[in-house]
Amino acid sequence: MIPKRLQKYFWDVDLAQLDKVDHADFIIKRVLEHGNTEDIFWLKTTYPLARFRQVLKKYRDISRKTGLFWAALLNMQPDEVKCLQTPYRTIPYGV
């Protein structure tokens, strides 16, 4: 179970079904994106920093601002961070 103070970041899921092990990537993404310093401290004590790197390398649905921030903190190159990559294909304007 995640701490009560973090539950506000998971407004769209059933907290009873949220498992720290099975849903680790989802939890890490949400807290990296929305968490404050205390929340990040909890995240660092719960998951290794290597897992943060894996999440940044794997998922595109993290904001650019968050991706740049964490890439700098974790000494990652921007081309390693999935959310900083060019989209697979451009969407025509107006469609």
C-alpha atoms as a PDB file:
ATOM      1  CA  MET A   1       0.000   0.000   0.000  1.00  0.00           C
ATOM      2  CA  ILE A   2       1.256   3.465  -0.796  1.00  0.00           C
ATOM      3  CA  PRO A   3       1.313   6.184   1.884  1.00  0.00           C
ATOM      4  CA  LYS A   4      -1.865   8.195   2.351  1.00  0.00           C
ATOM      5  CA  ARG A   5      -0.203  11.448   1.252  1.00  0.00           C
ATOM      6  CA  LEU A   6       0.516   9.910  -2.182  1.00  0.00           C
ATOM      7  CA  GLN A   7      -3.021   8.722  -2.815  1.00  0.00           C
ATOM      8  CA  LYS A   8      -3.992  12.064  -4.353  1.00  0.00           C
ATOM      9  CA  TYR A   9      -1.763  11.234  -7.339  1.00  0.00           C
ATOM     10  CA  PHE A  10      -3.774   8.098  -8.091  1.00  0.00           C
ATOM     11  CA  TRP A  11      -7.226   9.618  -8.429  1.00  0.00           C
ATOM     12  CA  ASP A  12      -8.117   7.401 -11.376  1.00  0.00           C
ATOM     13  CA  VAL A  13      -7.296   3.954  -9.972  1.00  0.00           C
ATOM     14  CA  ASP A  14      -8.655   1.650  -7.303  1.00  0.00           C
ATOM     15  CA  LEU A  15      -6.093   2.003  -4.525  1.00  0.00           C
ATOM     16  CA  ALA A  16      -6.981  -1.415  -3.131  1.00  0.00           C
ATOM     17  CA  GLN A  17      -5.708  -2.919  -6.403  1.00  0.00           C
ATOM     18  CA  LEU A  18      -2.522  -0.814  -6.569  1.00  0.00           C
ATOM     19  CA  ASP A  19       0.459  -2.984  -5.685  1.00  0.00           C
ATOM     20  CA  LYS A  20       3.924  -1.502  -5.058  1.00  0.00           C
ATOM     21  CA  VAL A  21       5.644  -4.395  -6.813  1.00  0.00           C
ATOM     22  CA  ASP A  22       3.300  -5.181  -9.709  1.00  0.00           C
ATOM     23  CA  HIS A  23       2.595  -1.523 -10.526  1.00  0.00           C
ATOM     24  CA  ALA A  24       6.026  -0.085  -9.745  1.00  0.00           C
ATOM     25  CA  ASP A  25       6.497   1.640 -13.102  1.00  0.00           C
ATOM     26  CA  PHE A  26       3.078   3.292 -12.876  1.00  0.00           C
ATOM     27  CA  ILE A  27       3.765   4.514  -9.323  1.00  0.00           C
ATOM     28  CA  ILE A  28       7.217   5.812 -10.244  1.00  0.00           C
ATOM     29  CA  LYS A  29       5.864   7.710 -13.278  1.00  0.00           C
ATOM     30  CA  ARG A  30       3.126   9.397 -11.270  1.00  0.00           C
ATOM     31  CA  VAL A  31       5.343  10.407  -8.372  1.00  0.00           C
ATOM     32  CA  LEU A  32       8.166  11.636 -10.616  1.00  0.00           C
ATOM     33  CA  GLU A  33       5.607  13.708 -12.508  1.00  0.00           C
ATOM     34  CA  HIS A  34       3.547  15.098  -9.624  1.00  0.00           C
ATOM     35  CA  GLY A  35       5.402  14.457  -6.357  1.00  0.00           C
ATOM     36  CA  ASN A  36       7.059  16.914  -4.013  1.00  0.00           C
ATOM     37  CA  THR A  37      10.383  16.473  -2.203  1.00  0.00           C
ATOM     38  CA  GLU A  38       8.938  14.298   0.567  1.00  0.00           C
ATOM     39  CA  ASP A  39       7.200  12.093  -1.990  1.00  0.00           C
ATOM     40  CA  ILE A  40      10.416  11.666  -3.981  1.00  0.00           C
ATOM     41  CA  PHE A  41      12.251  10.702  -0.784  1.00  0.00           C
ATOM     42  CA  TRP A  42       9.677   7.949  -0.210  1.00  0.00           C
ATOM     43  CA  LEU A  43      10.082   6.848  -3.823  1.00  0.00           C
ATOM     44  CA  LYS A  44      13.881   6.669  -3.449  1.00  0.00           C
ATOM     45  CA  THR A  45      13.576   4.539  -0.308  1.00  0.00           C
ATOM     46  CA  THR A  46      11.075   2.216  -1.994  1.00  0.00           C
ATOM     47  CA  TYR A  47      12.685   1.736  -5.423  1.00  0.00           C
ATOM     48  CA  PRO A  48      16.301   1.897  -6.615  1.00  0.00           C
ATOM     49  CA  LEU A  49      17.412   4.783  -8.832  1.00  0.00           C
ATOM     50  CA  ALA A  50      18.148   2.248 -11.553  1.00  0.00           C
ATOM     51  CA  ARG A  51      14.394   1.636 -11.744  1.00  0.00           C
ATOM     52  CA  PHE A  52      13.827   5.375 -12.267  1.00  0.00           C
ATOM     53  CA  ARG A  53      16.210   5.201 -15.228  1.00  0.00           C
ATOM     54  CA  GLN A  54      14.372   2.174 -16.639  1.00  0.00           C
ATOM     55  CA  VAL A  55      11.056   4.014 -16.425  1.00  0.00           C
ATOM     56  CA  LEU A  56      12.469   7.079 -18.184  1.00  0.00           C
ATOM     57  CA  LYS A  57      13.928   4.891 -20.930  1.00  0.00           C
ATOM     58  CA  LYS A  58      10.724   2.910 -21.420  1.00  0.00           C
ATOM     59  CA  TYR A  59       7.747   5.285 -21.264  1.00  0.00           C
ATOM     60  CA  ARG A  60       6.724   8.090 -23.552  1.00  0.00           C
ATOM     61  CA  ASP A  61       3.825   9.412 -21.417  1.00  0.00           C
ATOM     62  CA  ILE A  62       5.991  11.522 -19.111  1.00  0.00           C
ATOM     63  CA  SER A  63       6.044  15.264 -19.685  1.00  0.00           C
ATOM     64  CA  ARG A  64       9.013  16.786 -21.461  1.00  0.00           C
ATOM     65  CA  LYS A  65       9.734  19.029 -18.470  1.00  0.00           C
ATOM     66  CA  THR A  66       9.807  16.059 -16.081  1.00  0.00           C
ATOM     67  CA  GLY A  67      11.929  14.040 -18.500  1.00  0.00           C
ATOM     68  CA  LEU A  68      14.520  16.802 -18.821  1.00  0.00           C
ATOM     69  CA  PHE A  69      14.625  17.371 -15.064  1.00  0.00           C
ATOM     70  CA  TRP A  70      15.126  13.713 -14.164  1.00  0.00           C
ATOM     71  CA  ALA A  71      17.538  13.090 -17.012  1.00  0.00           C
ATOM     72  CA  ALA A  72      19.750  15.860 -15.624  1.00  0.00           C
ATOM     73  CA  LEU A  73      19.505  14.546 -12.052  1.00  0.00           C
ATOM     74  CA  LEU A  74      20.213  10.964 -13.066  1.00  0.00           C
ATOM     75  CA  ASN A  75      23.030  11.900 -15.488  1.00  0.00           C
ATOM     76  CA  MET A  76      21.176  10.524 -18.493  1.00  0.00           C
ATOM     77  CA  GLN A  77      21.537  11.760 -22.035  1.00  0.00           C
ATOM     78  CA  PRO A  78      18.326  13.210 -23.516  1.00  0.00           C
ATOM     79  CA  ASP A  79      18.422  10.614 -26.303  1.00  0.00           C
ATOM     80  CA  GLU A  80      18.046   7.886 -23.632  1.00  0.00           C
ATOM     81  CA  VAL A  81      14.766   9.328 -22.346  1.00  0.00           C
ATOM     82  CA  LYS A  82      11.750   8.051 -24.284  1.00  0.00           C
ATOM     83  CA  CYS A  83       9.529  11.089 -23.698  1.00  0.00           C
ATOM     84  CA  LEU A  84      12.174  13.364 -25.220  1.00  0.00           C
ATOM     85  CA  GLN A  85      12.265  11.463 -28.514  1.00  0.00           C
ATOM     86  CA  THR A  86      10.648  12.566 -31.751  1.00  0.00           C
ATOM     87  CA  PRO A  87       7.194  11.014 -32.200  1.00  0.00           C
ATOM     88  CA  TYR A  88       7.004   7.871 -34.301  1.00  0.00           C
ATOM     89  CA  ARG A  89       5.131   9.727 -37.010  1.00  0.00           C
ATOM     90  CA  THR A  90       3.801  13.224 -37.355  1.00  0.00           C
ATOM     91  CA  ILE A  91       0.093  13.845 -37.241  1.00  0.00           C
ATOM     92  CA  PRO A  92      -1.083  16.053 -40.074  1.00  0.00           C
ATOM     93  CA  TYR A  93      -2.296  19.423 -38.864  1.00  0.00           C
ATOM     94  CA  GLY A  94      -6.062  19.770 -38.802  1.00  0.00           C
ATOM     95  CA  VAL A  95      -6.856  16.054 -38.805  1.00  0.00           C
END
